[in-house]
PDB file of N, CA and C in Angstrom:
ATOM      1  N   MET A   1     -14.816 -47.421 -15.119  1.00  0.00           N
ATOM      2  CA  MET A   1     -14.758 -47.345 -13.675  1.00  0.00           C
ATOM      3  C   MET A   1     -13.499 -46.619 -13.213  1.00  0.00           C
ATOM      4  N   THR A   2     -12.418 -46.745 -13.955  1.00  0.00           N
ATOM      5  CA  THR A   2     -11.178 -46.083 -13.595  1.00  0.00           C
ATOM      6  C   THR A   2     -11.343 -44.570 -13.644  1.00  0.00           C
ATOM      7  N   GLY A   3     -12.071 -44.091 -14.651  1.00  0.00           N
ATOM      8  CA  GLY A   3     -12.314 -42.653 -14.753  1.00  0.00           C
ATOM      9  C   GLY A   3     -13.071 -42.123 -13.558  1.00  0.00           C
ATOM     10  N   PHE A   4     -14.070 -42.859 -13.084  1.00  0.00           N
ATOM     11  CA  PHE A   4     -14.837 -42.440 -11.910  1.00  0.00           C
ATOM     12  C   PHE A   4     -13.958 -42.423 -10.667  1.00  0.00           C
ATOM     13  N   LYS A   5     -13.117 -43.458 -10.510  1.00  0.00           N
ATOM     14  CA  LYS A   5     -12.208 -43.523  -9.359  1.00  0.00           C
ATOM     15  C   LYS A   5     -11.239 -42.341  -9.383  1.00  0.00           C
ATOM     16  N   ASN A   6     -10.701 -42.027 -10.549  1.00  0.00           N
ATOM     17  CA  ASN A   6      -9.797 -40.887 -10.665  1.00  0.00           C
ATOM     18  C   ASN A   6     -10.508 -39.576 -10.348  1.00  0.00           C
ATOM     19  N   PHE A   7     -11.764 -39.468 -10.762  1.00  0.00           N
ATOM     20  CA  PHE A   7     -12.540 -38.260 -10.470  1.00  0.00           C
ATOM     21  C   PHE A   7     -12.742 -38.096  -8.969  1.00  0.00           C
ATOM     22  N   ILE A   8     -13.107 -39.166  -8.293  1.00  0.00           N
ATOM     23  CA  ILE A   8     -13.362 -39.118  -6.850  1.00  0.00           C
ATOM     24  C   ILE A   8     -12.089 -38.823  -6.074  1.00  0.00           C
ATOM     25  N   LEU A   9     -10.978 -39.406  -6.492  1.00  0.00           N
ATOM     26  CA  LEU A   9      -9.737 -39.264  -5.742  1.00  0.00           C
ATOM     27  C   LEU A   9      -8.895 -38.072  -6.175  1.00  0.00           C
ATOM     28  N   ARG A  10      -9.326 -37.344  -7.202  1.00  0.00           N
ATOM     29  CA  ARG A  10      -8.546 -36.222  -7.718  1.00  0.00           C
ATOM     30  C   ARG A  10      -8.698 -35.002  -6.811  1.00  0.00           C
ATOM     31  N   GLY A  11      -7.594 -34.339  -6.573  1.00  0.00           N
ATOM     32  CA  GLY A  11      -7.618 -33.070  -5.840  1.00  0.00           C
ATOM     33  C   GLY A  11      -8.164 -33.202  -4.436  1.00  0.00           C
ATOM     34  N   ASN A  12      -8.885 -32.204  -4.021  1.00  0.00           N
ATOM     35  CA  ASN A  12      -9.422 -32.142  -2.665  1.00  0.00           C
ATOM     36  C   ASN A  12     -10.932 -32.297  -2.674  1.00  0.00           C
ATOM     37  N   LEU A  13     -11.445 -33.205  -3.479  1.00  0.00           N
ATOM     38  CA  LEU A  13     -12.886 -33.365  -3.601  1.00  0.00           C
ATOM     39  C   LEU A  13     -13.529 -33.745  -2.277  1.00  0.00           C
ATOM     40  N   VAL A  14     -12.921 -34.660  -1.545  1.00  0.00           N
ATOM     41  CA  VAL A  14     -13.483 -35.089  -0.262  1.00  0.00           C
ATOM     42  C   VAL A  14     -13.451 -33.937   0.737  1.00  0.00           C
ATOM     43  N   GLU A  15     -12.317 -33.215   0.783  1.00  0.00           N
ATOM     44  CA  GLU A  15     -12.221 -32.086   1.702  1.00  0.00           C
ATOM     45  C   GLU A  15     -13.238 -31.011   1.357  1.00  0.00           C
ATOM     46  N   LEU A  16     -13.433 -30.784   0.065  1.00  0.00           N
ATOM     47  CA  LEU A  16     -14.421 -29.796  -0.370  1.00  0.00           C
ATOM     48  C   LEU A  16     -15.834 -30.225   0.016  1.00  0.00           C
ATOM     49  N   ALA A  17     -16.136 -31.497  -0.135  1.00  0.00           N
ATOM     50  CA  ALA A  17     -17.456 -32.006   0.240  1.00  0.00           C
ATOM     51  C   ALA A  17     -17.679 -31.866   1.744  1.00  0.00           C
ATOM     52  N   VAL A  18     -16.670 -32.200   2.522  1.00  0.00           N
ATOM     53  CA  VAL A  18     -16.790 -32.070   3.977  1.00  0.00           C
ATOM     54  C   VAL A  18     -16.979 -30.605   4.355  1.00  0.00           C
ATOM     55  N   ALA A  19     -16.223 -29.712   3.719  1.00  0.00           N
ATOM     56  CA  ALA A  19     -16.357 -28.282   4.007  1.00  0.00           C
ATOM     57  C   ALA A  19     -17.749 -27.783   3.646  1.00  0.00           C
ATOM     58  N   PHE A  20     -18.287 -28.235   2.529  1.00  0.00           N
ATOM     59  CA  PHE A  20     -19.633 -27.825   2.130  1.00  0.00           C
ATOM     60  C   PHE A  20     -20.681 -28.303   3.128  1.00  0.00           C
ATOM     61  N   ILE A  21     -20.576 -29.541   3.541  1.00  0.00           N
ATOM     62  CA  ILE A  21     -21.536 -30.098   4.504  1.00  0.00           C
ATOM     63  C   ILE A  21     -21.423 -29.379   5.842  1.00  0.00           C
ATOM     64  N   MET A  22     -20.198 -29.171   6.316  1.00  0.00           N
ATOM     65  CA  MET A  22     -20.005 -28.465   7.587  1.00  0.00           C
ATOM     66  C   MET A  22     -20.475 -27.013   7.481  1.00  0.00           C
ATOM     67  N   GLY A  23     -20.225 -26.379   6.342  1.00  0.00           N
ATOM     68  CA  GLY A  23     -20.685 -25.009   6.143  1.00  0.00           C
ATOM     69  C   GLY A  23     -22.190 -24.910   6.158  1.00  0.00           C
ATOM     70  N   SER A  24     -22.856 -25.865   5.525  1.00  0.00           N
ATOM     71  CA  SER A  24     -24.324 -25.871   5.532  1.00  0.00           C
ATOM     72  C   SER A  24     -24.871 -26.064   6.941  1.00  0.00           C
ATOM     73  N   ALA A  25     -24.274 -26.971   7.686  1.00  0.00           N
ATOM     74  CA  ALA A  25     -24.716 -27.202   9.061  1.00  0.00           C
ATOM     75  C   ALA A  25     -24.429 -25.985   9.930  1.00  0.00           C
ATOM     76  N   PHE A  26     -23.276 -25.360   9.716  1.00  0.00           N
ATOM     77  CA  PHE A  26     -22.914 -24.205  10.526  1.00  0.00           C
ATOM     78  C   PHE A  26     -23.783 -23.001  10.187  1.00  0.00           C
ATOM     79  N   ALA A  27     -24.272 -22.934   8.956  1.00  0.00           N
ATOM     80  CA  ALA A  27     -25.165 -21.828   8.579  1.00  0.00           C
ATOM     81  C   ALA A  27     -26.408 -21.817   9.464  1.00  0.00           C
ATOM     82  N   THR A  28     -26.877 -22.970   9.861  1.00  0.00           N
ATOM     83  CA  THR A  28     -28.028 -23.052  10.759  1.00  0.00           C
ATOM     84  C   THR A  28     -27.698 -22.426  12.112  1.00  0.00           C
ATOM     85  N   VAL A  29     -26.495 -22.687  12.608  1.00  0.00           N
ATOM     86  CA  VAL A  29     -26.080 -22.123  13.890  1.00  0.00           C
ATOM     87  C   VAL A  29     -25.970 -20.599  13.790  1.00  0.00           C
ATOM     88  N   VAL A  30     -25.376 -20.102  12.709  1.00  0.00           N
ATOM     89  CA  VAL A  30     -25.237 -18.659  12.528  1.00  0.00           C
ATOM     90  C   VAL A  30     -26.603 -17.999  12.376  1.00  0.00           C
ATOM     91  N   THR A  31     -27.496 -18.615  11.617  1.00  0.00           N
ATOM     92  CA  THR A  31     -28.847 -18.067  11.443  1.00  0.00           C
ATOM     93  C   THR A  31     -29.585 -18.009  12.776  1.00  0.00           C
ATOM     94  N   ALA A  32     -29.452 -19.047  13.593  1.00  0.00           N
ATOM     95  CA  ALA A  32     -30.099 -19.053  14.902  1.00  0.00           C
ATOM     96  C   ALA A  32     -29.506 -17.975  15.810  1.00  0.00           C
ATOM     97  N   THR A  33     -28.201 -17.771  15.722  1.00  0.00           N
ATOM     98  CA  THR A  33     -27.566 -16.725  16.526  1.00  0.00           C
ATOM     99  C   THR A  33     -28.050 -15.345  16.108  1.00  0.00           C
ATOM    100  N   VAL A  34     -28.174 -15.129  14.811  1.00  0.00           N
ATOM    101  CA  VAL A  34     -28.698 -13.847  14.317  1.00  0.00           C
ATOM    102  C   VAL A  34     -30.137 -13.651  14.780  1.00  0.00           C
ATOM    103  N   ALA A  35     -30.949 -14.702  14.737  1.00  0.00           N
ATOM    104  CA  ALA A  35     -32.335 -14.594  15.211  1.00  0.00           C
ATOM    105  C   ALA A  35     -32.373 -14.252  16.698  1.00  0.00           C
ATOM    106  N   LEU A  36     -31.482 -14.850  17.469  1.00  0.00           N
ATOM    107  CA  LEU A  36     -31.403 -14.558  18.893  1.00  0.00           C
ATOM    108  C   LEU A  36     -31.040 -13.086  19.126  1.00  0.00           C
ATOM    109  N   ILE A  37     -30.051 -12.599  18.408  1.00  0.00           N
ATOM    110  CA  ILE A  37     -29.644 -11.197  18.574  1.00  0.00           C
ATOM    111  C   ILE A  37     -30.739 -10.255  18.089  1.00  0.00           C
ATOM    112  N   MET A  38     -31.427 -10.624  16.998  1.00  0.00           N
ATOM    113  CA  MET A  38     -32.550  -9.791  16.525  1.00  0.00           C
ATOM    114  C   MET A  38     -33.667  -9.739  17.574  1.00  0.00           C
ATOM    115  N   ASP A  39     -33.895 -10.850  18.279  1.00  0.00           N
ATOM    116  CA  ASP A  39     -34.887 -10.847  19.353  1.00  0.00           C
ATOM    117  C   ASP A  39     -34.456  -9.924  20.486  1.00  0.00           C
ATOM    118  N   LEU A  40     -33.158  -9.932  20.798  1.00  0.00           N
ATOM    119  CA  LEU A  40     -32.660  -9.020  21.830  1.00  0.00           C
ATOM    120  C   LEU A  40     -32.803  -7.560  21.384  1.00  0.00           C
ATOM    121  N   VAL A  41     -32.554  -7.285  20.102  1.00  0.00           N
ATOM    122  CA  VAL A  41     -32.768  -5.934  19.560  1.00  0.00           C
ATOM    123  C   VAL A  41     -34.241  -5.577  19.672  1.00  0.00           C
ATOM    124  N   GLY A  42     -35.110  -6.559  19.420  1.00  0.00           N
ATOM    125  CA  GLY A  42     -36.549  -6.331  19.525  1.00  0.00           C
ATOM    126  C   GLY A  42     -36.980  -6.002  20.942  1.00  0.00           C
ATOM    127  N   LYS A  43     -36.368  -6.667  21.916  1.00  0.00           N
ATOM    128  CA  LYS A  43     -36.696  -6.371  23.313  1.00  0.00           C
ATOM    129  C   LYS A  43     -36.271  -4.955  23.678  1.00  0.00           C
ATOM    130  N   ALA A  44     -35.117  -4.525  23.146  1.00  0.00           N
ATOM    131  CA  ALA A  44     -34.613  -3.189  23.459  1.00  0.00           C
ATOM    132  C   ALA A  44     -35.360  -2.107  22.683  1.00  0.00           C
ATOM    133  N   GLY A  45     -35.669  -2.391  21.406  1.00  0.00           N
ATOM    134  CA  GLY A  45     -36.255  -1.356  20.558  1.00  0.00           C
ATOM    135  C   GLY A  45     -37.730  -1.535  20.266  1.00  0.00           C
ATOM    136  N   GLY A  46     -38.338  -2.576  20.712  1.00  0.00           N
ATOM    137  CA  GLY A  46     -39.767  -2.753  20.496  1.00  0.00           C
ATOM    138  C   GLY A  46     -40.098  -3.872  19.533  1.00  0.00           C
ATOM    139  N   THR A  47     -39.392  -3.963  18.403  1.00  0.00           N
ATOM    140  CA  THR A  47     -39.661  -5.025  17.437  1.00  0.00           C
ATOM    141  C   THR A  47     -38.395  -5.330  16.628  1.00  0.00           C
ATOM    142  N   PRO A  48     -38.097  -6.622  16.422  1.00  0.00           N
ATOM    143  CA  PRO A  48     -36.916  -6.948  15.634  1.00  0.00           C
ATOM    144  C   PRO A  48     -37.190  -6.980  14.134  1.00  0.00           C
ATOM    145  N   ASP A  49     -38.460  -6.840  13.750  1.00  0.00           N
ATOM    146  CA  ASP A  49     -38.831  -6.928  12.342  1.00  0.00           C
ATOM    147  C   ASP A  49     -39.423  -5.603  11.896  1.00  0.00           C
ATOM    148  N   PHE A  50     -38.748  -4.960  10.963  1.00  0.00           N
ATOM    149  CA  PHE A  50     -39.186  -3.652  10.484  1.00  0.00           C
ATOM    150  C   PHE A  50     -39.905  -3.749   9.147  1.00  0.00           C
ATOM    151  N   SER A  51     -40.325  -4.942   8.747  1.00  0.00           N
ATOM    152  CA  SER A  51     -40.903  -5.165   7.419  1.00  0.00           C
ATOM    153  C   SER A  51     -42.146  -4.325   7.149  1.00  0.00           C
ATOM    154  N   ASP A  52     -42.913  -4.017   8.169  1.00  0.00           N
ATOM    155  CA  ASP A  52     -44.147  -3.252   7.971  1.00  0.00           C
ATOM    156  C   ASP A  52     -43.931  -1.744   7.999  1.00  0.00           C
ATOM    157  N   TRP A  53     -42.720  -1.291   8.173  1.00  0.00           N
ATOM    158  CA  TRP A  53     -42.450   0.146   8.257  1.00  0.00           C
ATOM    159  C   TRP A  53     -42.412   0.735   6.857  1.00  0.00           C
ATOM    160  N   ASN A  54     -43.313   1.670   6.579  1.00  0.00           N
ATOM    161  CA  ASN A  54     -43.431   2.303   5.266  1.00  0.00           C
ATOM    162  C   ASN A  54     -43.529   3.815   5.417  1.00  0.00           C
ATOM    163  N   PRO A  55     -42.432   4.499   5.675  1.00  0.00           N
ATOM    164  CA  PRO A  55     -42.525   5.950   5.806  1.00  0.00           C
ATOM    165  C   PRO A  55     -42.845   6.591   4.454  1.00  0.00           C
ATOM    166  N   LYS A  56     -43.912   7.384   4.422  1.00  0.00           N
ATOM    167  CA  LYS A  56     -44.379   8.076   3.214  1.00  0.00           C
ATOM    168  C   LYS A  56     -44.618   7.122   2.056  1.00  0.00           C
ATOM    169  N   GLY A  57     -45.054   5.902   2.363  1.00  0.00           N
ATOM    170  CA  GLY A  57     -45.409   4.929   1.336  1.00  0.00           C
ATOM    171  C   GLY A  57     -44.247   4.191   0.707  1.00  0.00           C
ATOM    172  N   ILE A  58     -43.046   4.393   1.195  1.00  0.00           N
ATOM    173  CA  ILE A  58     -41.875   3.706   0.642  1.00  0.00           C
ATOM    174  C   ILE A  58     -41.556   2.522   1.539  1.00  0.00           C
ATOM    175  N   SER A  59     -41.502   1.352   0.959  1.00  0.00           N
ATOM    176  CA  SER A  59     -41.262   0.122   1.728  1.00  0.00           C
ATOM    177  C   SER A  59     -39.773  -0.044   1.998  1.00  0.00           C
ATOM    178  N   VAL A  60     -39.303   0.542   3.063  1.00  0.00           N
ATOM    179  CA  VAL A  60     -37.901   0.414   3.439  1.00  0.00           C
ATOM    180  C   VAL A  60     -37.716  -0.534   4.613  1.00  0.00           C
ATOM    181  N   GLY A  61     -38.802  -0.974   5.206  1.00  0.00           N
ATOM    182  CA  GLY A  61     -38.714  -1.825   6.387  1.00  0.00           C
ATOM    183  C   GLY A  61     -38.039  -3.151   6.125  1.00  0.00           C
ATOM    184  N   ALA A  62     -38.395  -3.834   5.029  1.00  0.00           N
ATOM    185  CA  ALA A  62     -37.780  -5.122   4.712  1.00  0.00           C
ATOM    186  C   ALA A  62     -36.288  -4.949   4.439  1.00  0.00           C
ATOM    187  N   TRP A  63     -35.949  -3.855   3.760  1.00  0.00           N
ATOM    188  CA  TRP A  63     -34.535  -3.582   3.488  1.00  0.00           C
ATOM    189  C   TRP A  63     -33.789  -3.316   4.787  1.00  0.00           C
ATOM    190  N   LEU A  64     -34.388  -2.533   5.673  1.00  0.00           N
ATOM    191  CA  LEU A  64     -33.761  -2.215   6.949  1.00  0.00           C
ATOM    192  C   LEU A  64     -33.552  -3.479   7.785  1.00  0.00           C
ATOM    193  N   THR A  65     -34.538  -4.356   7.808  1.00  0.00           N
ATOM    194  CA  THR A  65     -34.407  -5.627   8.527  1.00  0.00           C
ATOM    195  C   THR A  65     -33.278  -6.461   7.936  1.00  0.00           C
ATOM    196  N   ALA A  66     -33.200  -6.519   6.620  1.00  0.00           N
ATOM    197  CA  ALA A  66     -32.146  -7.292   5.961  1.00  0.00           C
ATOM    198  C   ALA A  66     -30.767  -6.710   6.254  1.00  0.00           C
ATOM    199  N   VAL A  67     -30.633  -5.381   6.257  1.00  0.00           N
ATOM    200  CA  VAL A  67     -29.347  -4.744   6.538  1.00  0.00           C
ATOM    201  C   VAL A  67     -28.915  -5.016   7.975  1.00  0.00           C
ATOM    202  N   ILE A  68     -29.830  -4.878   8.919  1.00  0.00           N
ATOM    203  CA  ILE A  68     -29.495  -5.131  10.318  1.00  0.00           C
ATOM    204  C   ILE A  68     -29.116  -6.596  10.515  1.00  0.00           C
ATOM    205  N   ALA A  69     -29.874  -7.509   9.899  1.00  0.00           N
ATOM    206  CA  ALA A  69     -29.556  -8.937  10.009  1.00  0.00           C
ATOM    207  C   ALA A  69     -28.191  -9.240   9.382  1.00  0.00           C
ATOM    208  N   PHE A  70     -27.877  -8.587   8.258  1.00  0.00           N
ATOM    209  CA  PHE A  70     -26.585  -8.799   7.616  1.00  0.00           C
ATOM    210  C   PHE A  70     -25.443  -8.309   8.508  1.00  0.00           C
ATOM    211  N   LEU A  71     -25.606  -7.138   9.098  1.00  0.00           N
ATOM    212  CA  LEU A  71     -24.558  -6.598   9.966  1.00  0.00           C
ATOM    213  C   LEU A  71     -24.341  -7.477  11.194  1.00  0.00           C
ATOM    214  N   ILE A  72     -25.424  -7.983  11.754  1.00  0.00           N
ATOM    215  CA  ILE A  72     -25.301  -8.888  12.897  1.00  0.00           C
ATOM    216  C   ILE A  72     -24.628 -10.185  12.466  1.00  0.00           C
ATOM    217  N   LEU A  73     -25.005 -10.717  11.314  1.00  0.00           N
ATOM    218  CA  LEU A  73     -24.402 -11.938  10.794  1.00  0.00           C
ATOM    219  C   LEU A  73     -22.910 -11.736  10.554  1.00  0.00           C
ATOM    220  N   ALA A  74     -22.534 -10.610   9.962  1.00  0.00           N
ATOM    221  CA  ALA A  74     -21.124 -10.322   9.713  1.00  0.00           C
ATOM    222  C   ALA A  74     -20.346 -10.224  11.022  1.00  0.00           C
ATOM    223  N   ALA A  75     -20.943  -9.587  12.029  1.00  0.00           N
ATOM    224  CA  ALA A  75     -20.279  -9.464  13.327  1.00  0.00           C
ATOM    225  C   ALA A  75     -20.118 -10.829  13.988  1.00  0.00           C
ATOM    226  N   VAL A  76     -21.146 -11.663  13.915  1.00  0.00           N
ATOM    227  CA  VAL A  76     -21.068 -13.005  14.502  1.00  0.00           C
ATOM    228  C   VAL A  76     -19.970 -13.813  13.819  1.00  0.00           C
ATOM    229  N   VAL A  77     -19.947 -13.793  12.499  1.00  0.00           N
ATOM    230  CA  VAL A  77     -18.930 -14.552  11.765  1.00  0.00           C
ATOM    231  C   VAL A  77     -17.536 -14.031  12.097  1.00  0.00           C
ATOM    232  N   TYR A  78     -17.373 -12.711  12.136  1.00  0.00           N
ATOM    233  CA  TYR A  78     -16.047 -12.148  12.384  1.00  0.00           C
ATOM    234  C   TYR A  78     -15.562 -12.443  13.802  1.00  0.00           C
ATOM    235  N   PHE A  79     -16.398 -12.099  14.801  1.00  0.00           N
ATOM    236  CA  PHE A  79     -15.937 -12.204  16.186  1.00  0.00           C
ATOM    237  C   PHE A  79     -15.938 -13.627  16.731  1.00  0.00           C
ATOM    238  N   PHE A  80     -16.789 -14.507  16.203  1.00  0.00           N
ATOM    239  CA  PHE A  80     -16.866 -15.856  16.746  1.00  0.00           C
ATOM    240  C   PHE A  80     -16.206 -16.909  15.859  1.00  0.00           C
ATOM    241  N   ILE A  81     -15.819 -16.546  14.633  1.00  0.00           N
ATOM    242  CA  ILE A  81     -15.178 -17.520  13.747  1.00  0.00           C
ATOM    243  C   ILE A  81     -13.813 -17.016  13.289  1.00  0.00           C
ATOM    244  N   VAL A  82     -13.778 -15.854  12.644  1.00  0.00           N
ATOM    245  CA  VAL A  82     -12.540 -15.369  12.037  1.00  0.00           C
ATOM    246  C   VAL A  82     -11.485 -15.051  13.091  1.00  0.00           C
ATOM    247  N   VAL A  83     -11.841 -14.295  14.113  1.00  0.00           N
ATOM    248  CA  VAL A  83     -10.858 -13.908  15.129  1.00  0.00           C
ATOM    249  C   VAL A  83     -10.315 -15.129  15.882  1.00  0.00           C
ATOM    250  N   PRO A  84     -11.170 -16.026  16.408  1.00  0.00           N
ATOM    251  CA  PRO A  84     -10.599 -17.201  17.086  1.00  0.00           C
ATOM    252  C   PRO A  84      -9.784 -18.097  16.150  1.00  0.00           C
ATOM    253  N   TYR A  85     -10.233 -18.251  14.912  1.00  0.00           N
ATOM    254  CA  TYR A  85      -9.493 -19.071  13.955  1.00  0.00           C
ATOM    255  C   TYR A  85      -8.112 -18.481  13.688  1.00  0.00           C
ATOM    256  N   THR A  86      -8.058 -17.164  13.488  1.00  0.00           N
ATOM    257  CA  THR A  86      -6.784 -16.498  13.217  1.00  0.00           C
ATOM    258  C   THR A  86      -5.837 -16.634  14.400  1.00  0.00           C
ATOM    259  N   LYS A  87      -6.355 -16.448  15.610  1.00  0.00           N
ATOM    260  CA  LYS A  87      -5.505 -16.585  16.801  1.00  0.00           C
ATOM    261  C   LYS A  87      -5.010 -18.019  16.967  1.00  0.00           C
ATOM    262  N   ALA A  88      -5.889 -18.995  16.746  1.00  0.00           N
ATOM    263  CA  ALA A  88      -5.481 -20.400  16.866  1.00  0.00           C
ATOM    264  C   ALA A  88      -4.464 -20.760  15.792  1.00  0.00           C
ATOM    265  N   LYS A  89      -4.663 -20.255  14.591  1.00  0.00           N
ATOM    266  CA  LYS A  89      -3.725 -20.542  13.503  1.00  0.00           C
ATOM    267  C   LYS A  89      -2.351 -19.957  13.806  1.00  0.00           C
ATOM    268  N   GLU A  90      -2.319 -18.720  14.326  1.00  0.00           N
ATOM    269  CA  GLU A  90      -1.040 -18.102  14.675  1.00  0.00           C
ATOM    270  C   GLU A  90      -0.359 -18.846  15.827  1.00  0.00           C
ATOM    271  N   ARG A  91      -1.168 -19.352  16.762  1.00  0.00           N
ATOM    272  CA  ARG A  91      -0.598 -20.024  17.932  1.00  0.00           C
ATOM    273  C   ARG A  91      -0.061 -21.409  17.579  1.00  0.00           C
ATOM    274  N   TYR A  92      -0.847 -22.199  16.832  1.00  0.00           N
ATOM    275  CA  TYR A  92      -0.472 -23.575  16.567  1.00  0.00           C
ATOM    276  C   TYR A  92       0.308 -23.763  15.273  1.00  0.00           C
ATOM    277  N   PHE A  93       0.179 -22.839  14.336  1.00  0.00           N
ATOM    278  CA  PHE A  93       0.899 -22.914  13.070  1.00  0.00           C
ATOM    279  C   PHE A  93       1.547 -21.566  12.777  1.00  0.00           C
ATOM    280  N   PRO A  94       2.595 -21.225  13.517  1.00  0.00           N
ATOM    281  CA  PRO A  94       3.220 -19.924  13.304  1.00  0.00           C
ATOM    282  C   PRO A  94       3.847 -19.831  11.914  1.00  0.00           C
ATOM    283  N   ALA A  95       3.851 -18.635  11.382  1.00  0.00           N
ATOM    284  CA  ALA A  95       4.438 -18.412  10.070  1.00  0.00           C
ATOM    285  C   ALA A  95       5.949 -18.597  10.158  1.00  0.00           C
ATOM    286  N   THR A  96       6.483 -19.372   9.239  1.00  0.00           N
ATOM    287  CA  THR A  96       7.916 -19.634   9.254  1.00  0.00           C
ATOM    288  C   THR A  96       8.665 -18.794   8.232  1.00  0.00           C
ATOM    289  N   ASN A  97       7.955 -18.048   7.439  1.00  0.00           N
ATOM    290  CA  ASN A  97       8.607 -17.212   6.437  1.00  0.00           C
ATOM    291  C   ASN A  97       9.243 -16.013   7.109  1.00  0.00           C
ATOM    292  N   GLU A  98      10.555 -16.036   7.131  1.00  0.00           N
ATOM    293  CA  GLU A  98      11.269 -14.920   7.723  1.00  0.00           C
ATOM    294  C   GLU A  98      11.530 -13.895   6.633  1.00  0.00           C
ATOM    295  N   PRO A  99      11.346 -12.620   6.955  1.00  0.00           N
ATOM    296  CA  PRO A  99      11.622 -11.624   5.929  1.00  0.00           C
ATOM    297  C   PRO A  99      13.113 -11.616   5.616  1.00  0.00           C
ATOM    298  N   GLY A 100      13.423 -11.503   4.373  1.00  0.00           N
ATOM    299  CA  GLY A 100      14.822 -11.510   3.970  1.00  0.00           C
ATOM    300  C   GLY A 100      14.936 -11.214   2.491  1.00  0.00           C
ATOM    301  N   THR A 101      16.092 -11.457   1.964  1.00  0.00           N
ATOM    302  CA  THR A 101      16.343 -11.208   0.554  1.00  0.00           C
ATOM    303  C   THR A 101      15.796 -12.371  -0.267  1.00  0.00           C
ATOM    304  N   PRO A 102      15.051 -12.080  -1.321  1.00  0.00           N
ATOM    305  CA  PRO A 102      14.567 -13.163  -2.194  1.00  0.00           C
ATOM    306  C   PRO A 102      15.742 -13.934  -2.801  1.00  0.00           C
ATOM    307  N   GLU A 103      15.478 -15.174  -3.153  1.00  0.00           N
ATOM    308  CA  GLU A 103      16.523 -16.055  -3.647  1.00  0.00           C
ATOM    309  C   GLU A 103      17.216 -15.509  -4.892  1.00  0.00           C
ATOM    310  N   ASP A 104      16.446 -14.974  -5.835  1.00  0.00           N
ATOM    311  CA  ASP A 104      17.052 -14.487  -7.069  1.00  0.00           C
ATOM    312  C   ASP A 104      17.934 -13.260  -6.818  1.00  0.00           C
ATOM    313  N   VAL A 105      17.530 -12.396  -5.902  1.00  0.00           N
ATOM    314  CA  VAL A 105      18.334 -11.220  -5.580  1.00  0.00           C
ATOM    315  C   VAL A 105      19.619 -11.642  -4.873  1.00  0.00           C
ATOM    316  N   ALA A 106      19.529 -12.619  -3.988  1.00  0.00           N
ATOM    317  CA  ALA A 106      20.721 -13.102  -3.294  1.00  0.00           C
ATOM    318  C   ALA A 106      21.705 -13.721  -4.286  1.00  0.00           C
ATOM    319  N   LEU A 107      21.175 -14.469  -5.262  1.00  0.00           N
ATOM    320  CA  LEU A 107      22.034 -15.078  -6.271  1.00  0.00           C
ATOM    321  C   LEU A 107      22.729 -14.008  -7.118  1.00  0.00           C
ATOM    322  N   LEU A 108      21.986 -12.998  -7.533  1.00  0.00           N
ATOM    323  CA  LEU A 108      22.581 -11.916  -8.319  1.00  0.00           C
ATOM    324  C   LEU A 108      23.625 -11.158  -7.511  1.00  0.00           C
ATOM    325  N   THR A 109      23.375 -10.960  -6.228  1.00  0.00           N
ATOM    326  CA  THR A 109      24.349 -10.290  -5.372  1.00  0.00           C
ATOM    327  C   THR A 109      25.633 -11.116  -5.269  1.00  0.00           C
ATOM    328  N   GLU A 110      25.475 -12.424  -5.141  1.00  0.00           N
ATOM    329  CA  GLU A 110      26.641 -13.305  -5.072  1.00  0.00           C
ATOM    330  C   GLU A 110      27.443 -13.259  -6.368  1.00  0.00           C
ATOM    331  N   ILE A 111      26.748 -13.274  -7.516  1.00  0.00           N
ATOM    332  CA  ILE A 111      27.433 -13.183  -8.813  1.00  0.00           C
ATOM    333  C   ILE A 111      28.174 -11.850  -8.920  1.00  0.00           C
ATOM    334  N   ARG A 112      27.552 -10.767  -8.520  1.00  0.00           N
ATOM    335  CA  ARG A 112      28.182  -9.451  -8.557  1.00  0.00           C
ATOM    336  C   ARG A 112      29.452  -9.427  -7.712  1.00  0.00           C
ATOM    337  N   ASP A 113      29.365 -10.000  -6.518  1.00  0.00           N
ATOM    338  CA  ASP A 113      30.530 -10.018  -5.635  1.00  0.00           C
ATOM    339  C   ASP A 113      31.666 -10.858  -6.217  1.00  0.00           C
ATOM    340  N   LEU A 114      31.322 -12.002  -6.849  1.00  0.00           N
ATOM    341  CA  LEU A 114      32.350 -12.840  -7.474  1.00  0.00           C
ATOM    342  C   LEU A 114      33.019 -12.117  -8.641  1.00  0.00           C
ATOM    343  N   LEU A 115      32.228 -11.442  -9.460  1.00  0.00           N
ATOM    344  CA  LEU A 115      32.795 -10.679 -10.592  1.00  0.00           C
ATOM    345  C   LEU A 115      33.659  -9.538 -10.090  1.00  0.00           C
ATOM    346  N   ALA A 116      33.245  -8.880  -9.038  1.00  0.00           N
ATOM    347  CA  ALA A 116      34.053  -7.784  -8.481  1.00  0.00           C
ATOM    348  C   ALA A 116      35.350  -8.312  -7.904  1.00  0.00           C
ATOM    349  N   ALA A 117      35.349  -9.521  -7.353  1.00  0.00           N
ATOM    350  CA  ALA A 117      36.568 -10.099  -6.794  1.00  0.00           C
ATOM    351  C   ALA A 117      37.550 -10.507  -7.888  1.00  0.00           C
ATOM    352  N   GLN A 118      37.051 -10.849  -9.075  1.00  0.00           N
ATOM    353  CA  GLN A 118      37.920 -11.272 -10.194  1.00  0.00           C
ATOM    354  C   GLN A 118      38.544 -10.077 -10.909  1.00  0.00           C
ATOM    355  N   ARG A 119      37.964  -8.911 -10.782  1.00  0.00           N
ATOM    356  CA  ARG A 119      38.459  -7.727 -11.453  1.00  0.00           C
ATOM    357  C   ARG A 119      39.777  -7.288 -10.831  1.00  0.00           C
ATOM    358  N   PRO A 120      40.788  -6.990 -11.663  1.00  0.00           N
ATOM    359  CA  PRO A 120      42.047  -6.495 -11.079  1.00  0.00           C
ATOM    360  C   PRO A 120      41.882  -5.084 -10.543  1.00  0.00           C
ATOM    361  N   THR A 121      42.500  -4.817  -9.461  1.00  0.00           N
ATOM    362  CA  THR A 121      42.418  -3.474  -8.879  1.00  0.00           C
ATOM    363  C   THR A 121      43.407  -2.565  -9.567  1.00  0.00           C
ATOM    364  N   PRO A 122      42.992  -1.357  -9.978  1.00  0.00           N
ATOM    365  CA  PRO A 122      43.908  -0.448 -10.690  1.00  0.00           C
ATOM    366  C   PRO A 122      44.908   0.218  -9.797  1.00  0.00           C
TER     367      PRO A 122
END
C-alpha cells in the first residue's frame, strides 16, 4: 500500500490528471468553435464541407476541409488561449530575471580584480 501511496503522491500526478481532464473538456469547446466558424465560411462560400470535391478525379476535398479546419483551430487556440494567457502571465507574474552578468563570470571577474590588486606595480 505504501508503494501505491508514493505513486499517487509523487510529482505532479494530480496536476497532470486535472490538466488532462480540463484539456479534454476544452477540446469540445474548441471543436464547437471550429464548427461554428466553418458554418460561417459555408454561409459566405456556399458550403463548409469540401469532401465531395474531386477535380479531375482526385479526392482533395477531404484534405482541403481538414486543412481549413486545422487553420481555424490553430487561430482559435492562438487568439483565444495563447495570447490572453501570455498577457495575463506577464501582468500577474512578471519576469524577475534581470539581464546581467552570469554568476560564474562575475566570480571570475572578481578573482581577476583581486589578483591584479595583489600584483606589484612596476
